[in-house]
Amino acid sequence: MKIKLSDDNTLGPTPHGLVWEYIKRRPSSKHLDYGTREGTFLKHLFATQKITEGYGLDLNPDAILMGGQSHQKANVNLSTIRKGEPLPHEDNTFDSISMIGVLEHIHDQDRILAELYRVLKQHGYLYVLVPGKHIFSFLDMGNLKFVFPKIHKFYVERKYSKDFYNEHFIQCKNGLFGDIEVEKMWHQHFDALELKKIIRGAGFKILEMDGIGYFRRIFINLKYFMPPNIKVILERFIQLDAMKFGKSEILVIAKK
C-alpha cells in the first residue's frame, strides 16, 4: 500500500479502507457505488462526510433488500438494476464512482465501463478495485465452486438449503451464478497492465494506482478454518501484509 492511512480511517488496511482513503482526498457531492450490495460502503462514506449524496446499484435484489431502504439516510439511495440494461441515470450525473470487487464478476466489462463513463461528470473520478493476478491467485476461494462443483453443492445445500442452491446456482437468478455472471463463470484476477488497458479503453485517464497485500489469500483462507483466538492473530498478519505489499488487490484511480 503506497498511501498512508489516516488516523480517522476506521476501515483500516482493507480494500474498502484503501478506496476510502483516496476518496477522502477528493470529497464528492454525488457518488455512485456500482455493485454496492447492502450499501455498507456508501453509508460509511456518508457518515464520514466524504459524500453528500450516495447512490448504490446492484444486480442482486436480495442484497439491496438486506440493505434496507427504510434504514438508509435520506440522501443514500439503493436500487436494483437488470443485467444488460442501461444504468437508470442521466449522462454526467455523478461526481465520483466506485466499483470495489465487482469488475471481476462481469462478462461484458467494456459495456459497464462505458456506462460508468457516460453517467460520470466531466473531470469526475472513478475508483476501481479488483483482485490482482499474482502467484497466490489460485488460492481464491471464490473459484472453488467452479473447480469443485460437487463439493460446493454439498456445502451450500447444508449451510443454506436445497432451494437456496437451486435458486442461486441452477435457476441463476438475475443472470448470476451466485454473484458472478453466468457468461463469465470465473472470478477473474487482473495484472496492472490489463486493468489499465480496459479502463483506458472506456475513455478514462489513469491518474494513479495502489494496492494491498501479497500473502492475503493465504491468511484469509487459514482464518476461515481457525478458532477465534487464532483468527485474531491472523487478522493482524492480514493488516501488516496489506500495508507492506500491493499485489493481492489493486486499485486504479481514473478521471473522465
C-alpha atoms as a PDB file:
ATOM      1  CA  MET A   1       0.000   0.000   0.000  1.00  0.00           C
ATOM      2  CA  LYS A   2       1.505   3.313  -1.107  1.00  0.00           C
ATOM      3  CA  ILE A   3      -0.840   5.704   0.666  1.00  0.00           C
ATOM      4  CA  LYS A   4      -0.555   6.233   4.404  1.00  0.00           C
ATOM      5  CA  LEU A   5      -3.744   5.509   6.315  1.00  0.00           C
ATOM      6  CA  SER A   6      -5.273   8.434   8.150  1.00  0.00           C
ATOM      7  CA  ASP A   7      -5.959   8.249  11.862  1.00  0.00           C
ATOM      8  CA  ASP A   8      -9.683   8.618  11.144  1.00  0.00           C
ATOM      9  CA  ASN A   9      -9.770   5.698   8.678  1.00  0.00           C
ATOM     10  CA  THR A  10     -11.845   3.257  10.729  1.00  0.00           C
ATOM     11  CA  LEU A  11     -11.984   0.745   7.851  1.00  0.00           C
ATOM     12  CA  GLY A  12      -8.263   0.129   8.240  1.00  0.00           C
ATOM     13  CA  PRO A  13      -5.960  -1.587   5.692  1.00  0.00           C
ATOM     14  CA  THR A  14      -8.780  -3.299   3.798  1.00  0.00           C
ATOM     15  CA  PRO A  15      -9.963  -2.958   0.180  1.00  0.00           C
ATOM     16  CA  HIS A  16     -12.716  -0.548   1.229  1.00  0.00           C
ATOM     17  CA  GLY A  17     -10.353   1.272   3.572  1.00  0.00           C
ATOM     18  CA  LEU A  18      -7.921   1.826   0.704  1.00  0.00           C
ATOM     19  CA  VAL A  19     -10.630   3.268  -1.560  1.00  0.00           C
ATOM     20  CA  TRP A  20     -11.972   5.430   1.292  1.00  0.00           C
ATOM     21  CA  GLU A  21      -8.511   6.924   1.746  1.00  0.00           C
ATOM     22  CA  TYR A  22      -8.372   8.057  -1.883  1.00  0.00           C
ATOM     23  CA  ILE A  23     -11.942   9.375  -1.887  1.00  0.00           C
ATOM     24  CA  LYS A  24     -11.024  11.387   1.219  1.00  0.00           C
ATOM     25  CA  ARG A  25      -8.570  13.345  -0.958  1.00  0.00           C
ATOM     26  CA  ARG A  26     -11.424  14.394  -3.248  1.00  0.00           C
ATOM     27  CA  PRO A  27     -14.692  14.557  -1.259  1.00  0.00           C
ATOM     28  CA  SER A  28     -17.676  14.219  -3.563  1.00  0.00           C
ATOM     29  CA  SER A  29     -21.107  15.750  -3.765  1.00  0.00           C
ATOM     30  CA  LYS A  30     -22.907  12.965  -5.647  1.00  0.00           C
ATOM     31  CA  HIS A  31     -21.320   9.495  -5.555  1.00  0.00           C
ATOM     32  CA  LEU A  32     -22.299   6.194  -7.207  1.00  0.00           C
ATOM     33  CA  ASP A  33     -21.205   2.835  -5.788  1.00  0.00           C
ATOM     34  CA  TYR A  34     -21.667   0.237  -8.541  1.00  0.00           C
ATOM     35  CA  GLY A  35     -22.129  -3.274  -7.170  1.00  0.00           C
ATOM     36  CA  THR A  36     -22.974  -1.826  -3.774  1.00  0.00           C
ATOM     37  CA  ARG A  37     -24.571  -4.962  -2.277  1.00  0.00           C
ATOM     38  CA  GLU A  38     -26.133  -3.787   1.025  1.00  0.00           C
ATOM     39  CA  GLY A  39     -24.778  -0.247   0.624  1.00  0.00           C
ATOM     40  CA  THR A  40     -22.407  -0.536   3.590  1.00  0.00           C
ATOM     41  CA  PHE A  41     -19.583   1.419   1.954  1.00  0.00           C
ATOM     42  CA  LEU A  42     -21.942   4.191   0.856  1.00  0.00           C
ATOM     43  CA  LYS A  43     -23.273   4.534   4.381  1.00  0.00           C
ATOM     44  CA  HIS A  44     -19.717   4.832   5.667  1.00  0.00           C
ATOM     45  CA  LEU A  45     -18.795   7.457   3.071  1.00  0.00           C
ATOM     46  CA  PHE A  46     -21.824   9.488   4.091  1.00  0.00           C
ATOM     47  CA  ALA A  47     -21.276   9.011   7.829  1.00  0.00           C
ATOM     48  CA  THR A  48     -17.672  10.224   7.494  1.00  0.00           C
ATOM     49  CA  GLN A  49     -18.803  13.199   5.384  1.00  0.00           C
ATOM     50  CA  LYS A  50     -16.870  12.200   2.266  1.00  0.00           C
ATOM     51  CA  ILE A  51     -20.046  12.436   0.143  1.00  0.00           C
ATOM     52  CA  THR A  52     -23.276  14.419   0.471  1.00  0.00           C
ATOM     53  CA  GLU A  53     -25.417  12.159  -1.740  1.00  0.00           C
ATOM     54  CA  GLY A  54     -24.926   8.446  -2.296  1.00  0.00           C
ATOM     55  CA  TYR A  55     -26.447   6.085  -4.874  1.00  0.00           C
ATOM     56  CA  GLY A  56     -25.914   2.344  -4.892  1.00  0.00           C
ATOM     57  CA  LEU A  57     -26.718  -0.068  -7.740  1.00  0.00           C
ATOM     58  CA  ASP A  58     -26.642  -3.863  -7.683  1.00  0.00           C
ATOM     59  CA  LEU A  59     -27.967  -6.784  -9.729  1.00  0.00           C
ATOM     60  CA  ASN A  60     -28.819  -8.710  -6.571  1.00  0.00           C
ATOM     61  CA  PRO A  61     -32.253  -7.710  -5.223  1.00  0.00           C
ATOM     62  CA  ASP A  62     -31.700  -9.739  -2.057  1.00  0.00           C
ATOM     63  CA  ALA A  63     -28.626  -7.653  -1.187  1.00  0.00           C
ATOM     64  CA  ILE A  64     -30.478  -4.393  -1.853  1.00  0.00           C
ATOM     65  CA  LEU A  65     -33.397  -5.585   0.289  1.00  0.00           C
ATOM     66  CA  MET A  66     -30.980  -6.549   3.053  1.00  0.00           C
ATOM     67  CA  GLY A  67     -29.514  -3.042   2.853  1.00  0.00           C
ATOM     68  CA  GLY A  68     -32.958  -1.872   3.874  1.00  0.00           C
ATOM     69  CA  GLN A  69     -34.137   1.301   2.230  1.00  0.00           C
ATOM     70  CA  SER A  70     -36.002   2.160   5.431  1.00  0.00           C
ATOM     71  CA  HIS A  71     -32.678   2.212   7.286  1.00  0.00           C
ATOM     72  CA  GLN A  72     -30.851   4.402   4.766  1.00  0.00           C
ATOM     73  CA  LYS A  73     -30.191   8.045   5.317  1.00  0.00           C
ATOM     74  CA  ALA A  74     -32.448  10.294   3.223  1.00  0.00           C
ATOM     75  CA  ASN A  75     -29.615  11.026   0.783  1.00  0.00           C
ATOM     76  CA  VAL A  76     -28.306   7.446   0.418  1.00  0.00           C
ATOM     77  CA  ASN A  77     -30.388   5.540  -2.113  1.00  0.00           C
ATOM     78  CA  LEU A  78     -30.105   1.879  -3.160  1.00  0.00           C
ATOM     79  CA  SER A  79     -31.621   0.398  -6.333  1.00  0.00           C
ATOM     80  CA  THR A  80     -31.705  -2.929  -8.148  1.00  0.00           C
ATOM     81  CA  ILE A  81     -30.686  -2.964 -11.811  1.00  0.00           C
ATOM     82  CA  ARG A  82     -31.145  -5.550 -14.554  1.00  0.00           C
ATOM     83  CA  LYS A  83     -28.237  -7.081 -16.419  1.00  0.00           C
ATOM     84  CA  GLY A  84     -27.719  -5.735 -19.923  1.00  0.00           C
ATOM     85  CA  GLU A  85     -29.856  -2.622 -19.419  1.00  0.00           C
ATOM     86  CA  PRO A  86     -28.508   0.958 -19.333  1.00  0.00           C
ATOM     87  CA  LEU A  87     -27.950   2.483 -15.914  1.00  0.00           C
ATOM     88  CA  PRO A  88     -31.019   4.402 -14.682  1.00  0.00           C
ATOM     89  CA  HIS A  89     -29.263   7.777 -14.603  1.00  0.00           C
ATOM     90  CA  GLU A  90     -28.769  10.708 -16.961  1.00  0.00           C
ATOM     91  CA  ASP A  91     -25.448  11.495 -18.612  1.00  0.00           C
ATOM     92  CA  ASN A  92     -22.972  13.427 -16.434  1.00  0.00           C
ATOM     93  CA  THR A  93     -24.811  12.747 -13.180  1.00  0.00           C
ATOM     94  CA  PHE A  94     -22.105  11.775 -10.670  1.00  0.00           C
ATOM     95  CA  ASP A  95     -19.013  13.497  -9.333  1.00  0.00           C
ATOM     96  CA  SER A  96     -17.386  10.172  -8.479  1.00  0.00           C
ATOM     97  CA  ILE A  97     -17.951   6.433  -8.886  1.00  0.00           C
ATOM     98  CA  SER A  98     -16.567   3.435  -7.009  1.00  0.00           C
ATOM     99  CA  MET A  99     -16.520  -0.190  -8.159  1.00  0.00           C
ATOM    100  CA  ILE A 100     -14.975  -2.366  -5.461  1.00  0.00           C
ATOM    101  CA  GLY A 101     -14.605  -6.095  -6.083  1.00  0.00           C
ATOM    102  CA  VAL A 102     -17.136  -6.048  -8.931  1.00  0.00           C
ATOM    103  CA  LEU A 103     -15.437  -5.810 -12.347  1.00  0.00           C
ATOM    104  CA  GLU A 104     -14.034  -9.331 -11.974  1.00  0.00           C
ATOM    105  CA  HIS A 105     -17.598 -10.714 -11.822  1.00  0.00           C
ATOM    106  CA  ILE A 106     -18.729  -9.074 -15.082  1.00  0.00           C
ATOM    107  CA  HIS A 107     -18.663 -10.652 -18.549  1.00  0.00           C
ATOM    108  CA  ASP A 108     -19.078  -7.529 -20.711  1.00  0.00           C
ATOM    109  CA  GLN A 109     -16.682  -5.249 -18.857  1.00  0.00           C
ATOM    110  CA  ASP A 110     -16.363  -2.776 -21.720  1.00  0.00           C
ATOM    111  CA  ARG A 111     -20.113  -2.095 -21.746  1.00  0.00           C
ATOM    112  CA  ILE A 112     -20.275  -1.472 -17.998  1.00  0.00           C
ATOM    113  CA  LEU A 113     -17.266   0.835 -18.023  1.00  0.00           C
ATOM    114  CA  ALA A 114     -18.775   2.734 -20.956  1.00  0.00           C
ATOM    115  CA  GLU A 115     -21.972   3.200 -18.936  1.00  0.00           C
ATOM    116  CA  LEU A 116     -20.000   4.435 -15.937  1.00  0.00           C
ATOM    117  CA  TYR A 117     -18.144   6.853 -18.215  1.00  0.00           C
ATOM    118  CA  ARG A 118     -21.493   8.111 -19.507  1.00  0.00           C
ATOM    119  CA  VAL A 119     -23.008   8.854 -16.085  1.00  0.00           C
ATOM    120  CA  LEU A 120     -19.803  10.355 -14.642  1.00  0.00           C
ATOM    121  CA  LYS A 121     -19.415  14.129 -14.885  1.00  0.00           C
ATOM    122  CA  GLN A 122     -16.584  15.646 -16.866  1.00  0.00           C
ATOM    123  CA  HIS A 123     -13.475  15.689 -14.640  1.00  0.00           C
ATOM    124  CA  GLY A 124     -15.184  13.223 -12.291  1.00  0.00           C
ATOM    125  CA  TYR A 125     -13.244  10.391 -10.617  1.00  0.00           C
ATOM    126  CA  LEU A 126     -13.508   6.620 -10.952  1.00  0.00           C
ATOM    127  CA  TYR A 127     -12.158   4.180  -8.333  1.00  0.00           C
ATOM    128  CA  VAL A 128     -11.900   0.544  -9.472  1.00  0.00           C
ATOM    129  CA  LEU A 129     -10.525  -2.168  -7.179  1.00  0.00           C
ATOM    130  CA  VAL A 130     -10.079  -5.780  -8.344  1.00  0.00           C
ATOM    131  CA  PRO A 131      -8.178  -8.917  -7.314  1.00  0.00           C
ATOM    132  CA  GLY A 132      -4.582  -8.773  -8.510  1.00  0.00           C
ATOM    133  CA  LYS A 133      -3.099 -11.573 -10.584  1.00  0.00           C
ATOM    134  CA  HIS A 134      -0.026 -12.977  -8.829  1.00  0.00           C
ATOM    135  CA  ILE A 135       1.476 -16.196  -7.511  1.00  0.00           C
ATOM    136  CA  PHE A 136      -1.235 -16.797  -4.885  1.00  0.00           C
ATOM    137  CA  SER A 137      -4.251 -16.055  -7.100  1.00  0.00           C
ATOM    138  CA  PHE A 138      -5.011 -19.781  -7.333  1.00  0.00           C
ATOM    139  CA  LEU A 139      -5.998 -19.689  -3.629  1.00  0.00           C
ATOM    140  CA  ASP A 140      -9.089 -17.605  -4.394  1.00  0.00           C
ATOM    141  CA  MET A 141     -11.924 -19.416  -2.592  1.00  0.00           C
ATOM    142  CA  GLY A 142     -14.396 -17.660  -4.878  1.00  0.00           C
ATOM    143  CA  ASN A 143     -13.391 -20.063  -7.660  1.00  0.00           C
ATOM    144  CA  LEU A 144     -13.806 -23.281  -5.668  1.00  0.00           C
ATOM    145  CA  LYS A 145     -17.402 -23.584  -6.880  1.00  0.00           C
ATOM    146  CA  PHE A 146     -16.093 -23.876 -10.444  1.00  0.00           C
ATOM    147  CA  VAL A 147     -13.165 -26.159  -9.660  1.00  0.00           C
ATOM    148  CA  PHE A 148     -15.050 -28.449  -7.236  1.00  0.00           C
ATOM    149  CA  PRO A 149     -18.757 -28.081  -8.143  1.00  0.00           C
ATOM    150  CA  LYS A 150     -19.938 -31.182  -6.262  1.00  0.00           C
ATOM    151  CA  ILE A 151     -18.235 -30.161  -3.041  1.00  0.00           C
ATOM    152  CA  HIS A 152     -19.636 -26.654  -3.442  1.00  0.00           C
ATOM    153  CA  LYS A 153     -23.154 -28.010  -3.962  1.00  0.00           C
ATOM    154  CA  PHE A 154     -22.841 -30.245  -0.891  1.00  0.00           C
ATOM    155  CA  TYR A 155     -21.619 -27.330   1.237  1.00  0.00           C
ATOM    156  CA  VAL A 156     -24.246 -24.792   0.094  1.00  0.00           C
ATOM    157  CA  GLU A 157     -27.184 -27.173   0.458  1.00  0.00           C
ATOM    158  CA  ARG A 158     -26.190 -27.984   4.014  1.00  0.00           C
ATOM    159  CA  LYS A 159     -25.326 -24.443   5.074  1.00  0.00           C
ATOM    160  CA  TYR A 160     -28.430 -22.909   3.497  1.00  0.00           C
ATOM    161  CA  SER A 161     -30.874 -25.270   1.760  1.00  0.00           C
ATOM    162  CA  LYS A 162     -31.509 -27.160  -1.477  1.00  0.00           C
ATOM    163  CA  ASP A 163     -33.956 -24.452  -2.501  1.00  0.00           C
ATOM    164  CA  PHE A 164     -31.265 -21.808  -1.978  1.00  0.00           C
ATOM    165  CA  TYR A 165     -28.804 -23.731  -4.147  1.00  0.00           C
ATOM    166  CA  ASN A 166     -31.440 -24.266  -6.852  1.00  0.00           C
ATOM    167  CA  GLU A 167     -32.379 -20.576  -6.904  1.00  0.00           C
ATOM    168  CA  HIS A 168     -28.849 -19.159  -6.937  1.00  0.00           C
ATOM    169  CA  PHE A 169     -26.865 -21.814  -8.836  1.00  0.00           C
ATOM    170  CA  ILE A 170     -29.366 -23.609 -11.081  1.00  0.00           C
ATOM    171  CA  GLN A 171     -32.003 -21.019 -11.939  1.00  0.00           C
ATOM    172  CA  CYS A 172     -29.252 -18.354 -11.723  1.00  0.00           C
ATOM    173  CA  LYS A 173     -31.491 -15.555 -10.572  1.00  0.00           C
ATOM    174  CA  ASN A 174     -30.856 -12.245 -12.352  1.00  0.00           C
ATOM    175  CA  GLY A 175     -28.293 -13.884 -14.613  1.00  0.00           C
ATOM    176  CA  LEU A 176     -25.876 -14.544 -11.747  1.00  0.00           C
ATOM    177  CA  PHE A 177     -24.248 -17.834 -10.774  1.00  0.00           C
ATOM    178  CA  GLY A 178     -24.042 -16.915  -7.108  1.00  0.00           C
ATOM    179  CA  ASP A 179     -22.515 -13.470  -7.529  1.00  0.00           C
ATOM    180  CA  ILE A 180     -20.760 -13.981 -10.884  1.00  0.00           C
ATOM    181  CA  GLU A 181     -22.418 -13.501 -14.275  1.00  0.00           C
ATOM    182  CA  VAL A 182     -23.289 -16.847 -15.848  1.00  0.00           C
ATOM    183  CA  GLU A 183     -21.489 -15.944 -19.091  1.00  0.00           C
ATOM    184  CA  LYS A 184     -18.258 -15.477 -17.150  1.00  0.00           C
ATOM    185  CA  MET A 185     -18.286 -18.351 -14.632  1.00  0.00           C
ATOM    186  CA  TRP A 186     -14.923 -17.391 -13.167  1.00  0.00           C
ATOM    187  CA  HIS A 187     -13.676 -14.923 -10.549  1.00  0.00           C
ATOM    188  CA  GLN A 188     -11.125 -13.070 -12.652  1.00  0.00           C
ATOM    189  CA  HIS A 189      -7.778 -11.691 -11.473  1.00  0.00           C
ATOM    190  CA  PHE A 190      -6.043  -8.814 -13.262  1.00  0.00           C
ATOM    191  CA  ASP A 191      -2.489  -7.666 -13.702  1.00  0.00           C
ATOM    192  CA  ALA A 192      -1.893  -3.912 -13.661  1.00  0.00           C
ATOM    193  CA  LEU A 193      -1.352  -3.521 -17.414  1.00  0.00           C
ATOM    194  CA  GLU A 194      -4.502  -5.483 -18.243  1.00  0.00           C
ATOM    195  CA  LEU A 195      -6.620  -3.400 -15.882  1.00  0.00           C
ATOM    196  CA  LYS A 196      -5.256  -0.101 -17.154  1.00  0.00           C
ATOM    197  CA  LYS A 197      -5.921  -1.139 -20.761  1.00  0.00           C
ATOM    198  CA  ILE A 198      -9.574  -1.940 -20.017  1.00  0.00           C
ATOM    199  CA  ILE A 199     -10.178   1.325 -18.187  1.00  0.00           C
ATOM    200  CA  ARG A 200      -8.388   3.431 -20.780  1.00  0.00           C
ATOM    201  CA  GLY A 201     -10.417   1.674 -23.468  1.00  0.00           C
ATOM    202  CA  ALA A 202     -13.571   3.188 -21.975  1.00  0.00           C
ATOM    203  CA  GLY A 203     -12.097   6.676 -22.317  1.00  0.00           C
ATOM    204  CA  PHE A 204     -10.796   7.254 -18.792  1.00  0.00           C
ATOM    205  CA  LYS A 205      -7.418   8.795 -17.982  1.00  0.00           C
ATOM    206  CA  ILE A 206      -5.388   6.807 -15.422  1.00  0.00           C
ATOM    207  CA  LEU A 207      -4.151   9.027 -12.581  1.00  0.00           C
ATOM    208  CA  GLU A 208      -2.516   6.580 -10.181  1.00  0.00           C
ATOM    209  CA  MET A 209      -2.548   3.020  -8.869  1.00  0.00           C
ATOM    210  CA  ASP A 210      -2.244   1.399  -5.474  1.00  0.00           C
ATOM    211  CA  GLY A 211      -2.896  -1.967  -3.898  1.00  0.00           C
ATOM    212  CA  ILE A 212      -2.847  -4.073  -0.760  1.00  0.00           C
ATOM    213  CA  GLY A 213      -1.352  -7.354   0.317  1.00  0.00           C
ATOM    214  CA  TYR A 214       0.622 -10.219  -1.142  1.00  0.00           C
ATOM    215  CA  PHE A 215       0.016 -13.169   1.190  1.00  0.00           C
ATOM    216  CA  ARG A 216      -3.566 -12.022   1.858  1.00  0.00           C
ATOM    217  CA  ARG A 217      -5.315 -15.071   0.393  1.00  0.00           C
ATOM    218  CA  ILE A 218      -3.208 -17.469   2.451  1.00  0.00           C
ATOM    219  CA  PHE A 219      -4.111 -15.716   5.687  1.00  0.00           C
ATOM    220  CA  ILE A 220      -7.794 -15.295   4.779  1.00  0.00           C
ATOM    221  CA  ASN A 221      -8.145 -18.981   3.881  1.00  0.00           C
ATOM    222  CA  LEU A 222      -6.456 -20.059   7.114  1.00  0.00           C
ATOM    223  CA  LYS A 223      -8.602 -17.649   9.120  1.00  0.00           C
ATOM    224  CA  TYR A 224     -11.769 -19.251   7.767  1.00  0.00           C
ATOM    225  CA  PHE A 225     -10.961 -22.568   9.496  1.00  0.00           C
ATOM    226  CA  MET A 226      -9.304 -21.359  12.712  1.00  0.00           C
ATOM    227  CA  PRO A 227     -10.713 -20.823  16.230  1.00  0.00           C
ATOM    228  CA  PRO A 228     -11.345 -17.238  17.415  1.00  0.00           C
ATOM    229  CA  ASN A 229      -8.037 -16.792  19.261  1.00  0.00           C
ATOM    230  CA  ILE A 230      -6.045 -17.764  16.151  1.00  0.00           C
ATOM    231  CA  LYS A 231      -8.259 -15.610  13.926  1.00  0.00           C
ATOM    232  CA  VAL A 232      -7.216 -12.550  15.928  1.00  0.00           C
ATOM    233  CA  ILE A 233      -3.541 -13.288  15.247  1.00  0.00           C
ATOM    234  CA  LEU A 234      -4.156 -13.948  11.545  1.00  0.00           C
ATOM    235  CA  GLU A 235      -6.116 -10.714  11.224  1.00  0.00           C
ATOM    236  CA  ARG A 236      -3.059  -8.844  12.454  1.00  0.00           C
ATOM    237  CA  PHE A 237      -0.923 -10.562   9.812  1.00  0.00           C
ATOM    238  CA  ILE A 238      -3.521  -9.619   7.161  1.00  0.00           C
ATOM    239  CA  GLN A 239      -3.290  -5.965   8.195  1.00  0.00           C
ATOM    240  CA  LEU A 240       0.509  -5.917   8.206  1.00  0.00           C
ATOM    241  CA  ASP A 241       0.611  -7.647   4.826  1.00  0.00           C
ATOM    242  CA  ALA A 242      -1.893  -5.143   3.418  1.00  0.00           C
ATOM    243  CA  MET A 243       0.246  -2.168   4.440  1.00  0.00           C
ATOM    244  CA  LYS A 244       3.544  -3.675   3.278  1.00  0.00           C
ATOM    245  CA  PHE A 245       2.608  -5.008  -0.178  1.00  0.00           C
ATOM    246  CA  GLY A 246       0.299  -4.105  -3.069  1.00  0.00           C
ATOM    247  CA  LYS A 247      -0.359  -7.162  -5.235  1.00  0.00           C
ATOM    248  CA  SER A 248      -3.335  -9.048  -3.812  1.00  0.00           C
ATOM    249  CA  GLU A 249      -5.894  -6.300  -4.548  1.00  0.00           C
ATOM    250  CA  ILE A 250      -5.124  -3.495  -6.998  1.00  0.00           C
ATOM    251  CA  LEU A 251      -6.769  -0.112  -7.248  1.00  0.00           C
ATOM    252  CA  VAL A 252      -6.920   2.269 -10.207  1.00  0.00           C
ATOM    253  CA  ILE A 253      -7.893   5.897  -9.761  1.00  0.00           C
ATOM    254  CA  ALA A 254      -9.010   7.392 -13.081  1.00  0.00           C
ATOM    255  CA  LYS A 255     -10.576  10.602 -14.363  1.00  0.00           C
ATOM    256  CA  LYS A 256     -13.050  11.382 -17.125  1.00  0.00           C
END
